[in-house]
PDB file of N, CA and C in Angstrom:
ATOM      1  N   MET A   1      78.850 -48.202 -37.047  1.00  0.00           N
ATOM      2  CA  MET A   1      78.298 -49.181 -35.921  1.00  0.00           C
ATOM      3  C   MET A   1      79.210 -50.869 -36.693  1.00  0.00           C
ATOM      4  N   LYS A   2      79.114 -50.984 -35.917  1.00  0.00           N
ATOM      5  CA  LYS A   2      80.078 -52.700 -35.839  1.00  0.00           C
ATOM      6  C   LYS A   2      79.021 -53.677 -36.381  1.00  0.00           C
ATOM      7  N   PRO A   3      79.616 -54.516 -37.276  1.00  0.00           N
ATOM      8  CA  PRO A   3      78.851 -54.880 -38.295  1.00  0.00           C
ATOM      9  C   PRO A   3      78.746 -56.308 -37.648  1.00  0.00           C
ATOM     10  N   VAL A   4      77.274 -57.230 -37.925  1.00  0.00           N
ATOM     11  CA  VAL A   4      76.880 -58.007 -37.346  1.00  0.00           C
ATOM     12  C   VAL A   4      76.646 -59.562 -38.429  1.00  0.00           C
ATOM     13  N   THR A   5      76.803 -60.118 -37.724  1.00  0.00           N
ATOM     14  CA  THR A   5      76.617 -61.405 -38.913  1.00  0.00           C
ATOM     15  C   THR A   5      75.588 -62.688 -38.874  1.00  0.00           C
ATOM     16  N   PRO A   6      74.584 -62.598 -39.813  1.00  0.00           N
ATOM     17  CA  PRO A   6      73.476 -63.433 -40.111  1.00  0.00           C
ATOM     18  C   PRO A   6      73.540 -64.813 -39.560  1.00  0.00           C
ATOM     19  N   ASP A   7      73.027 -65.402 -38.752  1.00  0.00           N
ATOM     20  CA  ASP A   7      72.717 -66.838 -38.946  1.00  0.00           C
ATOM     21  C   ASP A   7      72.578 -67.516 -40.290  1.00  0.00           C
ATOM     22  N   ALA A   8      71.614 -68.509 -40.093  1.00  0.00           N
ATOM     23  CA  ALA A   8      71.659 -69.383 -41.723  1.00  0.00           C
ATOM     24  C   ALA A   8      69.817 -68.910 -41.717  1.00  0.00           C
ATOM     25  N   LYS A   9      69.920 -69.102 -40.580  1.00  0.00           N
ATOM     26  CA  LYS A   9      67.917 -69.068 -40.985  1.00  0.00           C
ATOM     27  C   LYS A   9      66.918 -67.128 -41.090  1.00  0.00           C
ATOM     28  N   LEU A  10      68.614 -66.487 -40.213  1.00  0.00           N
ATOM     29  CA  LEU A  10      68.196 -65.002 -40.595  1.00  0.00           C
ATOM     30  C   LEU A  10      68.722 -64.457 -42.403  1.00  0.00           C
ATOM     31  N   ALA A  11      69.632 -65.352 -42.461  1.00  0.00           N
ATOM     32  CA  ALA A  11      70.357 -64.969 -43.465  1.00  0.00           C
ATOM     33  C   ALA A  11      69.676 -65.536 -44.989  1.00  0.00           C
ATOM     34  N   ALA A  12      69.062 -66.175 -44.398  1.00  0.00           N
ATOM     35  CA  ALA A  12      68.091 -66.685 -45.667  1.00  0.00           C
ATOM     36  C   ALA A  12      67.051 -65.440 -46.560  1.00  0.00           C
ATOM     37  N   VAL A  13      66.365 -64.191 -45.563  1.00  0.00           N
ATOM     38  CA  VAL A  13      65.719 -63.381 -45.453  1.00  0.00           C
ATOM     39  C   VAL A  13      66.328 -62.159 -46.220  1.00  0.00           C
ATOM     40  N   VAL A  14      67.540 -61.517 -44.911  1.00  0.00           N
ATOM     41  CA  VAL A  14      68.349 -60.547 -45.583  1.00  0.00           C
ATOM     42  C   VAL A  14      69.567 -61.071 -45.820  1.00  0.00           C
ATOM     43  N   GLY A  15      70.145 -62.212 -46.627  1.00  0.00           N
ATOM     44  CA  GLY A  15      71.652 -62.475 -46.979  1.00  0.00           C
ATOM     45  C   GLY A  15      72.326 -62.758 -45.754  1.00  0.00           C
ATOM     46  N   SER A  16      73.958 -63.259 -46.364  1.00  0.00           N
ATOM     47  CA  SER A  16      74.880 -63.723 -45.112  1.00  0.00           C
ATOM     48  C   SER A  16      75.570 -62.832 -45.002  1.00  0.00           C
ATOM     49  N   SER A  17      76.092 -61.775 -45.358  1.00  0.00           N
ATOM     50  CA  SER A  17      76.849 -60.982 -45.472  1.00  0.00           C
ATOM     51  C   SER A  17      76.783 -60.387 -44.518  1.00  0.00           C
ATOM     52  N   PRO A  18      78.107 -60.230 -43.397  1.00  0.00           N
ATOM     53  CA  PRO A  18      78.390 -59.364 -42.166  1.00  0.00           C
ATOM     54  C   PRO A  18      77.548 -57.868 -42.969  1.00  0.00           C
ATOM     55  N   LEU A  19      76.578 -57.467 -41.840  1.00  0.00           N
ATOM     56  CA  LEU A  19      76.352 -55.671 -42.080  1.00  0.00           C
ATOM     57  C   LEU A  19      75.459 -55.224 -40.554  1.00  0.00           C
ATOM     58  N   PRO A  20      75.763 -53.597 -40.463  1.00  0.00           N
ATOM     59  CA  PRO A  20      75.738 -53.056 -39.424  1.00  0.00           C
ATOM     60  C   PRO A  20      74.082 -52.916 -38.886  1.00  0.00           C
ATOM     61  N   ARG A  21      73.899 -53.296 -37.497  1.00  0.00           N
ATOM     62  CA  ARG A  21      71.932 -53.393 -37.863  1.00  0.00           C
ATOM     63  C   ARG A  21      71.370 -52.646 -38.277  1.00  0.00           C
ATOM     64  N   THR A  22      71.373 -51.441 -38.417  1.00  0.00           N
ATOM     65  CA  THR A  22      70.854 -50.233 -38.867  1.00  0.00           C
ATOM     66  C   THR A  22      69.966 -51.664 -39.929  1.00  0.00           C
ATOM     67  N   GLU A  23      71.024 -51.586 -41.277  1.00  0.00           N
ATOM     68  CA  GLU A  23      71.093 -51.821 -42.390  1.00  0.00           C
ATOM     69  C   GLU A  23      70.112 -52.787 -42.312  1.00  0.00           C
ATOM     70  N   LEU A  24      70.960 -54.442 -41.074  1.00  0.00           N
ATOM     71  CA  LEU A  24      69.899 -55.478 -41.202  1.00  0.00           C
ATOM     72  C   LEU A  24      68.448 -55.427 -41.056  1.00  0.00           C
ATOM     73  N   THR A  25      68.118 -54.225 -40.072  1.00  0.00           N
ATOM     74  CA  THR A  25      66.308 -54.111 -39.986  1.00  0.00           C
ATOM     75  C   THR A  25      66.209 -53.352 -40.894  1.00  0.00           C
ATOM     76  N   LYS A  26      66.684 -52.453 -42.582  1.00  0.00           N
ATOM     77  CA  LYS A  26      66.475 -51.884 -43.227  1.00  0.00           C
ATOM     78  C   LYS A  26      66.059 -52.876 -44.354  1.00  0.00           C
ATOM     79  N   LYS A  27      67.094 -54.780 -44.225  1.00  0.00           N
ATOM     80  CA  LYS A  27      66.978 -55.318 -45.045  1.00  0.00           C
ATOM     81  C   LYS A  27      65.232 -56.036 -45.129  1.00  0.00           C
ATOM     82  N   LEU A  28      64.802 -56.504 -43.403  1.00  0.00           N
ATOM     83  CA  LEU A  28      64.247 -57.092 -42.856  1.00  0.00           C
ATOM     84  C   LEU A  28      63.376 -56.102 -43.010  1.00  0.00           C
ATOM     85  N   TRP A  29      62.989 -54.914 -43.269  1.00  0.00           N
ATOM     86  CA  TRP A  29      61.421 -53.950 -43.451  1.00  0.00           C
ATOM     87  C   TRP A  29      61.514 -54.098 -44.707  1.00  0.00           C
ATOM     88  N   ALA A  30      62.071 -54.189 -45.574  1.00  0.00           N
ATOM     89  CA  ALA A  30      61.726 -53.889 -47.093  1.00  0.00           C
ATOM     90  C   ALA A  30      61.644 -55.548 -47.579  1.00  0.00           C
ATOM     91  N   TYR A  31      62.020 -56.463 -46.215  1.00  0.00           N
ATOM     92  CA  TYR A  31      61.325 -57.982 -46.754  1.00  0.00           C
ATOM     93  C   TYR A  31      60.132 -57.885 -46.327  1.00  0.00           C
ATOM     94  N   ILE A  32      59.202 -57.409 -45.506  1.00  0.00           N
ATOM     95  CA  ILE A  32      58.240 -57.558 -45.147  1.00  0.00           C
ATOM     96  C   ILE A  32      57.447 -57.057 -45.968  1.00  0.00           C
ATOM     97  N   LYS A  33      57.603 -55.305 -46.481  1.00  0.00           N
ATOM     98  CA  LYS A  33      56.475 -55.261 -47.098  1.00  0.00           C
ATOM     99  C   LYS A  33      57.096 -55.489 -48.527  1.00  0.00           C
ATOM    100  N   LYS A  34      57.582 -55.988 -48.984  1.00  0.00           N
ATOM    101  CA  LYS A  34      57.750 -56.497 -50.617  1.00  0.00           C
ATOM    102  C   LYS A  34      56.562 -57.379 -50.239  1.00  0.00           C
ATOM    103  N   ASN A  35      57.069 -58.660 -49.214  1.00  0.00           N
ATOM    104  CA  ASN A  35      55.683 -59.523 -49.289  1.00  0.00           C
ATOM    105  C   ASN A  35      54.804 -59.538 -48.612  1.00  0.00           C
ATOM    106  N   GLY A  36      54.104 -58.282 -48.521  1.00  0.00           N
ATOM    107  CA  GLY A  36      52.941 -57.833 -47.470  1.00  0.00           C
ATOM    108  C   GLY A  36      52.917 -58.210 -46.181  1.00  0.00           C
ATOM    109  N   LEU A  37      53.613 -58.183 -45.326  1.00  0.00           N
ATOM    110  CA  LEU A  37      53.729 -58.994 -44.137  1.00  0.00           C
ATOM    111  C   LEU A  37      53.295 -58.282 -43.266  1.00  0.00           C
ATOM    112  N   GLN A  38      52.838 -57.579 -43.163  1.00  0.00           N
ATOM    113  CA  GLN A  38      52.171 -56.262 -42.167  1.00  0.00           C
ATOM    114  C   GLN A  38      51.004 -56.446 -41.807  1.00  0.00           C
ATOM    115  N   ASP A  39      50.793 -57.109 -40.795  1.00  0.00           N
ATOM    116  CA  ASP A  39      49.330 -57.144 -40.707  1.00  0.00           C
ATOM    117  C   ASP A  39      48.397 -55.743 -41.609  1.00  0.00           C
ATOM    118  N   LYS A  40      46.886 -56.438 -41.788  1.00  0.00           N
ATOM    119  CA  LYS A  40      46.818 -54.751 -42.693  1.00  0.00           C
ATOM    120  C   LYS A  40      45.337 -53.808 -41.260  1.00  0.00           C
ATOM    121  N   LYS A  41      45.462 -54.953 -40.682  1.00  0.00           N
ATOM    122  CA  LYS A  41      44.524 -53.923 -39.405  1.00  0.00           C
ATOM    123  C   LYS A  41      45.775 -53.629 -38.912  1.00  0.00           C
ATOM    124  N   VAL A  42      46.246 -54.609 -38.192  1.00  0.00           N
ATOM    125  CA  VAL A  42      46.720 -53.950 -36.878  1.00  0.00           C
ATOM    126  C   VAL A  42      48.371 -53.979 -37.040  1.00  0.00           C
ATOM    127  N   ARG A  43      49.022 -52.838 -37.657  1.00  0.00           N
ATOM    128  CA  ARG A  43      49.842 -52.722 -38.549  1.00  0.00           C
ATOM    129  C   ARG A  43      51.595 -52.582 -37.272  1.00  0.00           C
ATOM    130  N   THR A  44      51.120 -52.922 -35.964  1.00  0.00           N
ATOM    131  CA  THR A  44      52.549 -53.400 -34.903  1.00  0.00           C
ATOM    132  C   THR A  44      52.764 -55.009 -35.684  1.00  0.00           C
ATOM    133  N   GLN A  45      51.743 -55.109 -35.682  1.00  0.00           N
ATOM    134  CA  GLN A  45      52.309 -56.950 -35.831  1.00  0.00           C
ATOM    135  C   GLN A  45      52.528 -57.019 -37.650  1.00  0.00           C
ATOM    136  N   ILE A  46      53.479 -58.694 -37.275  1.00  0.00           N
ATOM    137  CA  ILE A  46      54.102 -58.708 -38.604  1.00  0.00           C
ATOM    138  C   ILE A  46      53.492 -60.818 -38.871  1.00  0.00           C
ATOM    139  N   ASN A  47      53.260 -60.797 -39.852  1.00  0.00           N
ATOM    140  CA  ASN A  47      51.886 -61.808 -39.920  1.00  0.00           C
ATOM    141  C   ASN A  47      53.925 -62.732 -40.847  1.00  0.00           C
ATOM    142  N   ALA A  48      54.116 -64.455 -40.140  1.00  0.00           N
ATOM    143  CA  ALA A  48      55.443 -65.006 -40.284  1.00  0.00           C
ATOM    144  C   ALA A  48      55.187 -65.825 -41.554  1.00  0.00           C
ATOM    145  N   ASP A  49      55.671 -65.713 -42.925  1.00  0.00           N
ATOM    146  CA  ASP A  49      55.852 -66.734 -43.720  1.00  0.00           C
ATOM    147  C   ASP A  49      57.102 -67.723 -43.588  1.00  0.00           C
ATOM    148  N   ASP A  50      57.226 -67.902 -44.568  1.00  0.00           N
ATOM    149  CA  ASP A  50      58.177 -70.063 -43.601  1.00  0.00           C
ATOM    150  C   ASP A  50      59.709 -69.056 -42.813  1.00  0.00           C
ATOM    151  N   ALA A  51      59.999 -68.358 -44.453  1.00  0.00           N
ATOM    152  CA  ALA A  51      61.787 -68.028 -43.678  1.00  0.00           C
ATOM    153  C   ALA A  51      61.453 -66.912 -42.797  1.00  0.00           C
ATOM    154  N   LEU A  52      60.415 -66.233 -42.582  1.00  0.00           N
ATOM    155  CA  LEU A  52      59.897 -65.566 -41.361  1.00  0.00           C
ATOM    156  C   LEU A  52      59.990 -66.629 -39.715  1.00  0.00           C
ATOM    157  N   LYS A  53      59.330 -67.045 -39.701  1.00  0.00           N
ATOM    158  CA  LYS A  53      58.909 -68.223 -39.007  1.00  0.00           C
ATOM    159  C   LYS A  53      59.802 -69.239 -38.404  1.00  0.00           C
ATOM    160  N   ALA A  54      60.901 -69.508 -38.989  1.00  0.00           N
ATOM    161  CA  ALA A  54      62.294 -69.727 -38.037  1.00  0.00           C
ATOM    162  C   ALA A  54      62.961 -68.611 -37.800  1.00  0.00           C
ATOM    163  N   VAL A  55      62.475 -67.236 -38.138  1.00  0.00           N
ATOM    164  CA  VAL A  55      63.688 -66.706 -37.063  1.00  0.00           C
ATOM    165  C   VAL A  55      62.609 -66.122 -35.817  1.00  0.00           C
ATOM    166  N   PHE A  56      61.537 -66.738 -36.147  1.00  0.00           N
ATOM    167  CA  PHE A  56      60.750 -66.324 -34.990  1.00  0.00           C
ATOM    168  C   PHE A  56      60.203 -66.838 -34.063  1.00  0.00           C
ATOM    169  N   GLY A  57      61.134 -68.464 -34.287  1.00  0.00           N
ATOM    170  CA  GLY A  57      61.216 -68.928 -33.365  1.00  0.00           C
ATOM    171  C   GLY A  57      59.893 -69.842 -33.801  1.00  0.00           C
ATOM    172  N   GLY A  58      59.091 -69.802 -34.731  1.00  0.00           N
ATOM    173  CA  GLY A  58      57.636 -70.909 -34.883  1.00  0.00           C
ATOM    174  C   GLY A  58      56.659 -70.066 -35.025  1.00  0.00           C
ATOM    175  N   LYS A  59      56.575 -68.914 -34.311  1.00  0.00           N
ATOM    176  CA  LYS A  59      55.567 -67.978 -33.855  1.00  0.00           C
ATOM    177  C   LYS A  59      54.618 -67.189 -35.391  1.00  0.00           C
ATOM    178  N   ALA A  60      53.381 -67.529 -35.853  1.00  0.00           N
ATOM    179  CA  ALA A  60      53.484 -67.281 -36.388  1.00  0.00           C
ATOM    180  C   ALA A  60      52.871 -65.678 -37.002  1.00  0.00           C
ATOM    181  N   LYS A  61      52.608 -65.016 -35.454  1.00  0.00           N
ATOM    182  CA  LYS A  61      52.558 -63.465 -35.770  1.00  0.00           C
ATOM    183  C   LYS A  61      53.184 -62.917 -34.388  1.00  0.00           C
ATOM    184  N   VAL A  62      53.601 -61.603 -34.777  1.00  0.00           N
ATOM    185  CA  VAL A  62      54.936 -60.900 -33.940  1.00  0.00           C
ATOM    186  C   VAL A  62      54.333 -59.254 -33.433  1.00  0.00           C
ATOM    187  N   SER A  63      55.588 -59.035 -32.976  1.00  0.00           N
ATOM    188  CA  SER A  63      54.741 -57.231 -33.433  1.00  0.00           C
ATOM    189  C   SER A  63      56.261 -56.907 -32.919  1.00  0.00           C
ATOM    190  N   MET A  64      56.440 -55.988 -33.545  1.00  0.00           N
ATOM    191  CA  MET A  64      57.170 -55.303 -34.741  1.00  0.00           C
ATOM    192  C   MET A  64      57.890 -55.260 -33.408  1.00  0.00           C
ATOM    193  N   PHE A  65      58.153 -55.583 -31.595  1.00  0.00           N
ATOM    194  CA  PHE A  65      58.490 -54.846 -30.854  1.00  0.00           C
ATOM    195  C   PHE A  65      59.064 -55.811 -30.429  1.00  0.00           C
ATOM    196  N   GLU A  66      58.785 -57.158 -30.744  1.00  0.00           N
ATOM    197  CA  GLU A  66      59.527 -58.578 -30.114  1.00  0.00           C
ATOM    198  C   GLU A  66      60.257 -59.202 -30.949  1.00  0.00           C
ATOM    199  N   MET A  67      59.794 -59.146 -32.907  1.00  0.00           N
ATOM    200  CA  MET A  67      60.330 -59.410 -33.856  1.00  0.00           C
ATOM    201  C   MET A  67      62.271 -58.656 -33.166  1.00  0.00           C
ATOM    202  N   THR A  68      62.358 -57.232 -32.654  1.00  0.00           N
ATOM    203  CA  THR A  68      63.459 -56.577 -32.564  1.00  0.00           C
ATOM    204  C   THR A  68      64.414 -57.449 -31.695  1.00  0.00           C
ATOM    205  N   LYS A  69      63.295 -58.231 -30.444  1.00  0.00           N
ATOM    206  CA  LYS A  69      64.599 -59.249 -29.658  1.00  0.00           C
ATOM    207  C   LYS A  69      64.429 -60.421 -30.115  1.00  0.00           C
ATOM    208  N   LEU A  70      63.981 -60.760 -30.433  1.00  0.00           N
ATOM    209  CA  LEU A  70      63.511 -62.287 -32.107  1.00  0.00           C
ATOM    210  C   LEU A  70      64.709 -61.953 -32.727  1.00  0.00           C
ATOM    211  N   VAL A  71      65.012 -60.864 -33.375  1.00  0.00           N
ATOM    212  CA  VAL A  71      65.854 -61.429 -34.580  1.00  0.00           C
ATOM    213  C   VAL A  71      67.098 -61.348 -34.283  1.00  0.00           C
ATOM    214  N   SER A  72      67.428 -61.009 -32.586  1.00  0.00           N
ATOM    215  CA  SER A  72      69.230 -60.011 -31.823  1.00  0.00           C
ATOM    216  C   SER A  72      69.704 -61.145 -31.768  1.00  0.00           C
ATOM    217  N   GLY A  73      68.875 -62.606 -31.474  1.00  0.00           N
ATOM    218  CA  GLY A  73      69.277 -64.157 -31.281  1.00  0.00           C
ATOM    219  C   GLY A  73      69.578 -64.591 -32.476  1.00  0.00           C
ATOM    220  N   HIS A  74      69.238 -64.071 -33.938  1.00  0.00           N
ATOM    221  CA  HIS A  74      70.332 -64.708 -35.029  1.00  0.00           C
ATOM    222  C   HIS A  74      71.148 -64.025 -34.937  1.00  0.00           C
ATOM    223  N   VAL A  75      71.925 -63.172 -34.725  1.00  0.00           N
ATOM    224  CA  VAL A  75      73.421 -62.280 -35.212  1.00  0.00           C
ATOM    225  C   VAL A  75      73.869 -62.415 -33.806  1.00  0.00           C
ATOM    226  N   SER A  76      75.653 -62.189 -34.958  1.00  0.00           N
ATOM    227  CA  SER A  76      76.772 -62.543 -33.650  1.00  0.00           C
ATOM    228  C   SER A  76      77.242 -60.974 -34.175  1.00  0.00           C
TER     229      SER A  76
END
């Protein structure tokens, strides 16, 4: 896979070095799990902290599927 470069907002969560999209997703999920951001009742929902709100366009909650789309806007 071709490496992608996270922008400043996404770099606050996964780091700024270029990495394959698969690795970016792994790091994002590691961050979500480490900080307990997966909703306890609705497991497909992610509750954003301040760093993720910047990535999610200010949204407090997004679904896993929407998260993928929003993250795509922060890589080049």
